PDB file of N, CA and C in Angstrom:
ATOM      1  N   MET A   1      -5.080  18.503  -8.636  1.00  0.00           N
ATOM      2  CA  MET A   1      -4.169  17.489  -9.085  1.00  0.00           C
ATOM      3  C   MET A   1      -4.705  16.863 -10.365  1.00  0.00           C
ATOM      4  N   GLU A   2      -3.923  16.906 -11.408  1.00  0.00           N
ATOM      5  CA  GLU A   2      -4.322  16.340 -12.693  1.00  0.00           C
ATOM      6  C   GLU A   2      -3.889  14.886 -12.788  1.00  0.00           C
ATOM      7  N   SER A   3      -4.733  14.033 -13.356  1.00  0.00           N
ATOM      8  CA  SER A   3      -4.394  12.634 -13.593  1.00  0.00           C
ATOM      9  C   SER A   3      -4.427  12.358 -15.082  1.00  0.00           C
ATOM     10  N   ILE A   4      -3.342  11.792 -15.577  1.00  0.00           N
ATOM     11  CA  ILE A   4      -3.256  11.384 -16.972  1.00  0.00           C
ATOM     12  C   ILE A   4      -3.243   9.867 -16.956  1.00  0.00           C
ATOM     13  N   ILE A   5      -4.297   9.232 -17.457  1.00  0.00           N
ATOM     14  CA  ILE A   5      -4.465   7.791 -17.333  1.00  0.00           C
ATOM     15  C   ILE A   5      -4.565   7.153 -18.710  1.00  0.00           C
ATOM     16  N   ASN A   6      -3.739   6.122 -18.917  1.00  0.00           N
ATOM     17  CA  ASN A   6      -3.779   5.309 -20.130  1.00  0.00           C
ATOM     18  C   ASN A   6      -3.649   6.152 -21.398  1.00  0.00           C
ATOM     19  N   CYS A   7      -2.622   6.992 -21.449  1.00  0.00           N
ATOM     20  CA  CYS A   7      -2.414   7.870 -22.600  1.00  0.00           C
ATOM     21  C   CYS A   7      -1.198   7.450 -23.410  1.00  0.00           C
ATOM     22  N   ASP A   8      -1.240   7.726 -24.685  1.00  0.00           N
ATOM     23  CA  ASP A   8      -0.108   7.493 -25.575  1.00  0.00           C
ATOM     24  C   ASP A   8       0.611   8.826 -25.763  1.00  0.00           C
ATOM     25  N   LEU A   9       1.719   9.006 -25.054  1.00  0.00           N
ATOM     26  CA  LEU A   9       2.501  10.239 -25.144  1.00  0.00           C
ATOM     27  C   LEU A   9       3.865   9.958 -25.773  1.00  0.00           C
ATOM     28  N   ARG A  10       3.921   8.969 -26.667  1.00  0.00           N
ATOM     29  CA  ARG A  10       5.185   8.658 -27.334  1.00  0.00           C
ATOM     30  C   ARG A  10       5.678   9.865 -28.115  1.00  0.00           C
ATOM     31  N   ARG A  11       6.983  10.140 -27.941  1.00  0.00           N
ATOM     32  CA  ARG A  11       7.674  11.240 -28.627  1.00  0.00           C
ATOM     33  C   ARG A  11       7.091  12.616 -28.286  1.00  0.00           C
ATOM     34  N   ALA A  12       6.367  12.719 -27.190  1.00  0.00           N
ATOM     35  CA  ALA A  12       5.814  14.017 -26.766  1.00  0.00           C
ATOM     36  C   ALA A  12       6.929  14.908 -26.231  1.00  0.00           C
ATOM     37  N   ARG A  13       6.772  16.205 -26.380  1.00  0.00           N
ATOM     38  CA  ARG A  13       7.720  17.183 -25.833  1.00  0.00           C
ATOM     39  C   ARG A  13       7.064  17.836 -24.622  1.00  0.00           C
ATOM     40  N   LEU A  14       7.544  17.452 -23.460  1.00  0.00           N
ATOM     41  CA  LEU A  14       7.012  18.001 -22.212  1.00  0.00           C
ATOM     42  C   LEU A  14       8.097  18.815 -21.526  1.00  0.00           C
ATOM     43  N   ASP A  15       8.781  19.649 -22.308  1.00  0.00           N
ATOM     44  CA  ASP A  15       9.890  20.413 -21.754  1.00  0.00           C
ATOM     45  C   ASP A  15       9.480  21.808 -21.301  1.00  0.00           C
ATOM     46  N   CYS A  16       8.258  22.163 -21.468  1.00  0.00           N
ATOM     47  CA  CYS A  16       7.799  23.467 -20.987  1.00  0.00           C
ATOM     48  C   CYS A  16       6.478  23.305 -20.231  1.00  0.00           C
ATOM     49  N   CYS A  17       6.295  22.131 -19.641  1.00  0.00           N
ATOM     50  CA  CYS A  17       5.054  21.840 -18.925  1.00  0.00           C
ATOM     51  C   CYS A  17       5.262  21.926 -17.420  1.00  0.00           C
ATOM     52  N   TYR A  18       4.215  22.253 -16.735  1.00  0.00           N
ATOM     53  CA  TYR A  18       4.212  22.301 -15.274  1.00  0.00           C
ATOM     54  C   TYR A  18       3.571  21.004 -14.793  1.00  0.00           C
ATOM     55  N   LEU A  19       4.393  20.054 -14.346  1.00  0.00           N
ATOM     56  CA  LEU A  19       3.898  18.733 -13.977  1.00  0.00           C
ATOM     57  C   LEU A  19       3.784  18.527 -12.470  1.00  0.00           C
ATOM     58  N   LYS A  20       3.970  19.583 -11.698  1.00  0.00           N
ATOM     59  CA  LYS A  20       3.944  19.472 -10.240  1.00  0.00           C
ATOM     60  C   LYS A  20       2.608  18.890  -9.774  1.00  0.00           C
ATOM     61  N   ASN A  21       2.681  17.829  -8.973  1.00  0.00           N
ATOM     62  CA  ASN A  21       1.528  17.132  -8.389  1.00  0.00           C
ATOM     63  C   ASN A  21       0.693  16.337  -9.391  1.00  0.00           C
ATOM     64  N   ALA A  22       1.133  16.178 -10.618  1.00  0.00           N
ATOM     65  CA  ALA A  22       0.378  15.395 -11.605  1.00  0.00           C
ATOM     66  C   ALA A  22       0.547  13.902 -11.325  1.00  0.00           C
ATOM     67  N   ARG A  23      -0.379  13.095 -11.839  1.00  0.00           N
ATOM     68  CA  ARG A  23      -0.301  11.638 -11.725  1.00  0.00           C
ATOM     69  C   ARG A  23      -0.406  11.034 -13.116  1.00  0.00           C
ATOM     70  N   PHE A  24       0.599  10.266 -13.495  1.00  0.00           N
ATOM     71  CA  PHE A  24       0.608   9.554 -14.765  1.00  0.00           C
ATOM     72  C   PHE A  24       0.439   8.074 -14.464  1.00  0.00           C
ATOM     73  N   LEU A  25      -0.638   7.469 -14.970  1.00  0.00           N
ATOM     74  CA  LEU A  25      -0.922   6.063 -14.723  1.00  0.00           C
ATOM     75  C   LEU A  25      -1.078   5.332 -16.053  1.00  0.00           C
ATOM     76  N   TYR A  26      -0.396   4.200 -16.204  1.00  0.00           N
ATOM     77  CA  TYR A  26      -0.504   3.350 -17.392  1.00  0.00           C
ATOM     78  C   TYR A  26      -0.279   4.159 -18.671  1.00  0.00           C
ATOM     79  N   THR A  27       0.806   4.920 -18.699  1.00  0.00           N
ATOM     80  CA  THR A  27       1.068   5.843 -19.802  1.00  0.00           C
ATOM     81  C   THR A  27       2.318   5.441 -20.567  1.00  0.00           C
ATOM     82  N   ASP A  28       2.257   5.533 -21.890  1.00  0.00           N
ATOM     83  CA  ASP A  28       3.386   5.225 -22.761  1.00  0.00           C
ATOM     84  C   ASP A  28       4.110   6.528 -23.083  1.00  0.00           C
ATOM     85  N   MET A  29       5.337   6.672 -22.587  1.00  0.00           N
ATOM     86  CA  MET A  29       6.131   7.884 -22.816  1.00  0.00           C
ATOM     87  C   MET A  29       7.434   7.547 -23.541  1.00  0.00           C
ATOM     88  N   ARG A  30       7.418   6.482 -24.353  1.00  0.00           N
ATOM     89  CA  ARG A  30       8.631   6.099 -25.078  1.00  0.00           C
ATOM     90  C   ARG A  30       9.065   7.223 -26.013  1.00  0.00           C
ATOM     91  N   GLY A  31      10.347   7.584 -25.903  1.00  0.00           N
ATOM     92  CA  GLY A  31      10.911   8.604 -26.773  1.00  0.00           C
ATOM     93  C   GLY A  31      10.498  10.027 -26.441  1.00  0.00           C
ATOM     94  N   ALA A  32       9.817  10.227 -25.342  1.00  0.00           N
ATOM     95  CA  ALA A  32       9.374  11.578 -24.957  1.00  0.00           C
ATOM     96  C   ALA A  32      10.550  12.399 -24.432  1.00  0.00           C
ATOM     97  N   THR A  33      10.421  13.710 -24.514  1.00  0.00           N
ATOM     98  CA  THR A  33      11.398  14.635 -23.946  1.00  0.00           C
ATOM     99  C   THR A  33      10.725  15.327 -22.769  1.00  0.00           C
ATOM    100  N   ILE A  34      11.278  15.099 -21.575  1.00  0.00           N
ATOM    101  CA  ILE A  34      10.658  15.644 -20.372  1.00  0.00           C
ATOM    102  C   ILE A  34      11.709  16.392 -19.560  1.00  0.00           C
ATOM    103  N   HIS A  35      11.598  17.695 -19.514  1.00  0.00           N
ATOM    104  CA  HIS A  35      12.443  18.560 -18.689  1.00  0.00           C
ATOM    105  C   HIS A  35      11.470  19.442 -17.910  1.00  0.00           C
ATOM    106  N   ALA A  36      11.115  19.015 -16.704  1.00  0.00           N
ATOM    107  CA  ALA A  36      10.041  19.716 -15.999  1.00  0.00           C
ATOM    108  C   ALA A  36      10.192  19.603 -14.488  1.00  0.00           C
ATOM    109  N   ASP A  37       9.480  20.476 -13.795  1.00  0.00           N
ATOM    110  CA  ASP A  37       9.368  20.400 -12.342  1.00  0.00           C
ATOM    111  C   ASP A  37       8.410  19.257 -12.029  1.00  0.00           C
ATOM    112  N   THR A  38       8.921  18.213 -11.419  1.00  0.00           N
ATOM    113  CA  THR A  38       8.100  17.044 -11.112  1.00  0.00           C
ATOM    114  C   THR A  38       7.932  16.861  -9.603  1.00  0.00           C
ATOM    115  N   THR A  39       7.893  17.961  -8.878  1.00  0.00           N
ATOM    116  CA  THR A  39       7.683  17.895  -7.434  1.00  0.00           C
ATOM    117  C   THR A  39       6.372  17.172  -7.133  1.00  0.00           C
ATOM    118  N   CYS A  40       6.457  16.112  -6.353  1.00  0.00           N
ATOM    119  CA  CYS A  40       5.287  15.322  -5.936  1.00  0.00           C
ATOM    120  C   CYS A  40       4.523  14.704  -7.105  1.00  0.00           C
ATOM    121  N   THR A  41       5.150  14.544  -8.239  1.00  0.00           N
ATOM    122  CA  THR A  41       4.517  13.904  -9.388  1.00  0.00           C
ATOM    123  C   THR A  41       4.644  12.392  -9.247  1.00  0.00           C
ATOM    124  N   SER A  42       3.600  11.655  -9.624  1.00  0.00           N
ATOM    125  CA  SER A  42       3.604  10.194  -9.545  1.00  0.00           C
ATOM    126  C   SER A  42       3.600   9.602 -10.944  1.00  0.00           C
ATOM    127  N   PHE A  43       4.476   8.642 -11.159  1.00  0.00           N
ATOM    128  CA  PHE A  43       4.527   7.887 -12.408  1.00  0.00           C
ATOM    129  C   PHE A  43       4.325   6.422 -12.038  1.00  0.00           C
ATOM    130  N   ILE A  44       3.173   5.863 -12.399  1.00  0.00           N
ATOM    131  CA  ILE A  44       2.828   4.490 -12.045  1.00  0.00           C
ATOM    132  C   ILE A  44       2.529   3.722 -13.326  1.00  0.00           C
ATOM    133  N   GLU A  45       3.246   2.606 -13.527  1.00  0.00           N
ATOM    134  CA  GLU A  45       3.094   1.780 -14.730  1.00  0.00           C
ATOM    135  C   GLU A  45       3.345   2.614 -15.988  1.00  0.00           C
ATOM    136  N   VAL A  46       4.491   3.293 -16.037  1.00  0.00           N
ATOM    137  CA  VAL A  46       4.847   4.164 -17.159  1.00  0.00           C
ATOM    138  C   VAL A  46       6.066   3.596 -17.869  1.00  0.00           C
ATOM    139  N   ASN A  47       6.074   3.674 -19.199  1.00  0.00           N
ATOM    140  CA  ASN A  47       7.190   3.200 -20.008  1.00  0.00           C
ATOM    141  C   ASN A  47       7.970   4.409 -20.527  1.00  0.00           C
ATOM    142  N   PHE A  48       9.229   4.576 -20.061  1.00  0.00           N
ATOM    143  CA  PHE A  48      10.088   5.691 -20.455  1.00  0.00           C
ATOM    144  C   PHE A  48      11.188   5.272 -21.436  1.00  0.00           C
ATOM    145  N   GLN A  49      11.096   4.120 -22.080  1.00  0.00           N
ATOM    146  CA  GLN A  49      12.174   3.644 -22.945  1.00  0.00           C
ATOM    147  C   GLN A  49      12.533   4.688 -23.994  1.00  0.00           C
ATOM    148  N   GLY A  50      13.826   5.001 -24.084  1.00  0.00           N
ATOM    149  CA  GLY A  50      14.302   5.952 -25.081  1.00  0.00           C
ATOM    150  C   GLY A  50      13.951   7.397 -24.791  1.00  0.00           C
ATOM    151  N   ALA A  51      13.380   7.673 -23.643  1.00  0.00           N
ATOM    152  CA  ALA A  51      12.991   9.047 -23.298  1.00  0.00           C
ATOM    153  C   ALA A  51      14.203   9.846 -22.825  1.00  0.00           C
ATOM    154  N   GLU A  52      14.103  11.153 -22.954  1.00  0.00           N
ATOM    155  CA  GLU A  52      15.118  12.071 -22.440  1.00  0.00           C
ATOM    156  C   GLU A  52      14.522  12.720 -21.201  1.00  0.00           C
ATOM    157  N   LEU A  53      15.026  12.314 -20.026  1.00  0.00           N
ATOM    158  CA  LEU A  53      14.427  12.746 -18.769  1.00  0.00           C
ATOM    159  C   LEU A  53      15.337  13.679 -17.996  1.00  0.00           C
ATOM    160  N   SER A  54      14.763  14.727 -17.467  1.00  0.00           N
ATOM    161  CA  SER A  54      15.462  15.637 -16.570  1.00  0.00           C
ATOM    162  C   SER A  54      14.428  16.147 -15.571  1.00  0.00           C
ATOM    163  N   PHE A  55      14.331  15.426 -14.455  1.00  0.00           N
ATOM    164  CA  PHE A  55      13.363  15.782 -13.431  1.00  0.00           C
ATOM    165  C   PHE A  55      13.999  16.748 -12.444  1.00  0.00           C
ATOM    166  N   SER A  56      13.251  17.758 -12.043  1.00  0.00           N
ATOM    167  CA  SER A  56      13.731  18.696 -11.032  1.00  0.00           C
ATOM    168  C   SER A  56      12.563  19.064 -10.133  1.00  0.00           C
ATOM    169  N   GLY A  57      12.875  19.665  -9.012  1.00  0.00           N
ATOM    170  CA  GLY A  57      11.811  20.101  -8.123  1.00  0.00           C
ATOM    171  C   GLY A  57      12.234  20.115  -6.680  1.00  0.00           C
ATOM    172  N   GLU A  58      11.308  20.528  -5.841  1.00  0.00           N
ATOM    173  CA  GLU A  58      11.564  20.654  -4.410  1.00  0.00           C
ATOM    174  C   GLU A  58      11.686  19.299  -3.727  1.00  0.00           C
ATOM    175  N   SER A  59      10.998  18.301  -4.231  1.00  0.00           N
ATOM    176  CA  SER A  59      11.078  16.949  -3.676  1.00  0.00           C
ATOM    177  C   SER A  59      11.048  15.946  -4.822  1.00  0.00           C
ATOM    178  N   ASP A  60      11.426  14.718  -4.517  1.00  0.00           N
ATOM    179  CA  ASP A  60      11.487  13.682  -5.542  1.00  0.00           C
ATOM    180  C   ASP A  60      10.097  13.293  -6.030  1.00  0.00           C
ATOM    181  N   CYS A  61      10.062  12.802  -7.255  1.00  0.00           N
ATOM    182  CA  CYS A  61       8.813  12.268  -7.783  1.00  0.00           C
ATOM    183  C   CYS A  61       8.696  10.806  -7.342  1.00  0.00           C
ATOM    184  N   PHE A  62       7.511  10.247  -7.470  1.00  0.00           N
ATOM    185  CA  PHE A  62       7.235   8.875  -7.070  1.00  0.00           C
ATOM    186  C   PHE A  62       7.213   8.011  -8.321  1.00  0.00           C
ATOM    187  N   LEU A  63       8.034   6.962  -8.339  1.00  0.00           N
ATOM    188  CA  LEU A  63       8.099   6.038  -9.466  1.00  0.00           C
ATOM    189  C   LEU A  63       7.732   4.643  -8.982  1.00  0.00           C
ATOM    190  N   HIS A  64       6.763   3.995  -9.636  1.00  0.00           N
ATOM    191  CA  HIS A  64       6.355   2.643  -9.256  1.00  0.00           C
ATOM    192  C   HIS A  64       6.051   1.836 -10.514  1.00  0.00           C
ATOM    193  N   ASN A  65       6.690   0.679 -10.632  1.00  0.00           N
ATOM    194  CA  ASN A  65       6.506  -0.203 -11.791  1.00  0.00           C
ATOM    195  C   ASN A  65       6.707   0.544 -13.107  1.00  0.00           C
ATOM    196  N   VAL A  66       7.869   1.160 -13.260  1.00  0.00           N
ATOM    197  CA  VAL A  66       8.168   1.894 -14.488  1.00  0.00           C
ATOM    198  C   VAL A  66       9.345   1.251 -15.213  1.00  0.00           C
ATOM    199  N   ILE A  67       9.362   1.401 -16.531  1.00  0.00           N
ATOM    200  CA  ILE A  67      10.508   1.010 -17.342  1.00  0.00           C
ATOM    201  C   ILE A  67      11.249   2.299 -17.653  1.00  0.00           C
ATOM    202  N   LEU A  68      12.489   2.402 -17.168  1.00  0.00           N
ATOM    203  CA  LEU A  68      13.275   3.619 -17.335  1.00  0.00           C
ATOM    204  C   LEU A  68      13.851   3.731 -18.737  1.00  0.00           C
ATOM    205  N   GLU A  69      14.451   4.881 -19.043  1.00  0.00           N
ATOM    206  CA  GLU A  69      14.950   5.157 -20.385  1.00  0.00           C
ATOM    207  C   GLU A  69      15.995   4.154 -20.849  1.00  0.00           C
ATOM    208  N   ASP A  70      16.735   3.531 -19.927  1.00  0.00           N
ATOM    209  CA  ASP A  70      17.747   2.542 -20.301  1.00  0.00           C
ATOM    210  C   ASP A  70      17.195   1.117 -20.297  1.00  0.00           C
ATOM    211  N   ARG A  71      15.888   0.971 -20.263  1.00  0.00           N
ATOM    212  CA  ARG A  71      15.150  -0.289 -20.288  1.00  0.00           C
ATOM    213  C   ARG A  71      15.214  -1.072 -18.981  1.00  0.00           C
ATOM    214  N   SER A  72      15.760  -0.470 -17.928  1.00  0.00           N
ATOM    215  CA  SER A  72      15.740  -1.149 -16.631  1.00  0.00           C
ATOM    216  C   SER A  72      14.354  -0.966 -16.006  1.00  0.00           C
ATOM    217  N   PHE A  73      13.984  -1.937 -15.181  1.00  0.00           N
ATOM    218  CA  PHE A  73      12.655  -1.923 -14.569  1.00  0.00           C
ATOM    219  C   PHE A  73      12.784  -1.490 -13.120  1.00  0.00           C
ATOM    220  N   LEU A  74      11.981  -0.550 -12.701  1.00  0.00           N
ATOM    221  CA  LEU A  74      11.979  -0.063 -11.324  1.00  0.00           C
ATOM    222  C   LEU A  74      10.627  -0.367 -10.711  1.00  0.00           C
ATOM    223  N   GLN A  75      10.651  -1.166  -9.654  1.00  0.00           N
ATOM    224  CA  GLN A  75       9.392  -1.575  -9.042  1.00  0.00           C
ATOM    225  C   GLN A  75       9.122  -0.789  -7.799  1.00  0.00           C
TER     226      GLN A  75
END
């Protein structure tokens, strides 16, 4: 299981990445493009403002204290 902690991934293109079981903690993903398998992926304290998101996978990902692409807050 990979952990990405406190990273600046603004405007990153994660459309060909394998994110299954990854953990993103305290990460800035504003404006990122994410089209990936996010089965069992955790996003904790992540900012997705302006991001293009398309999550897919066998099970839902875990979202906690995130700012979604439309600027709404999900706790």
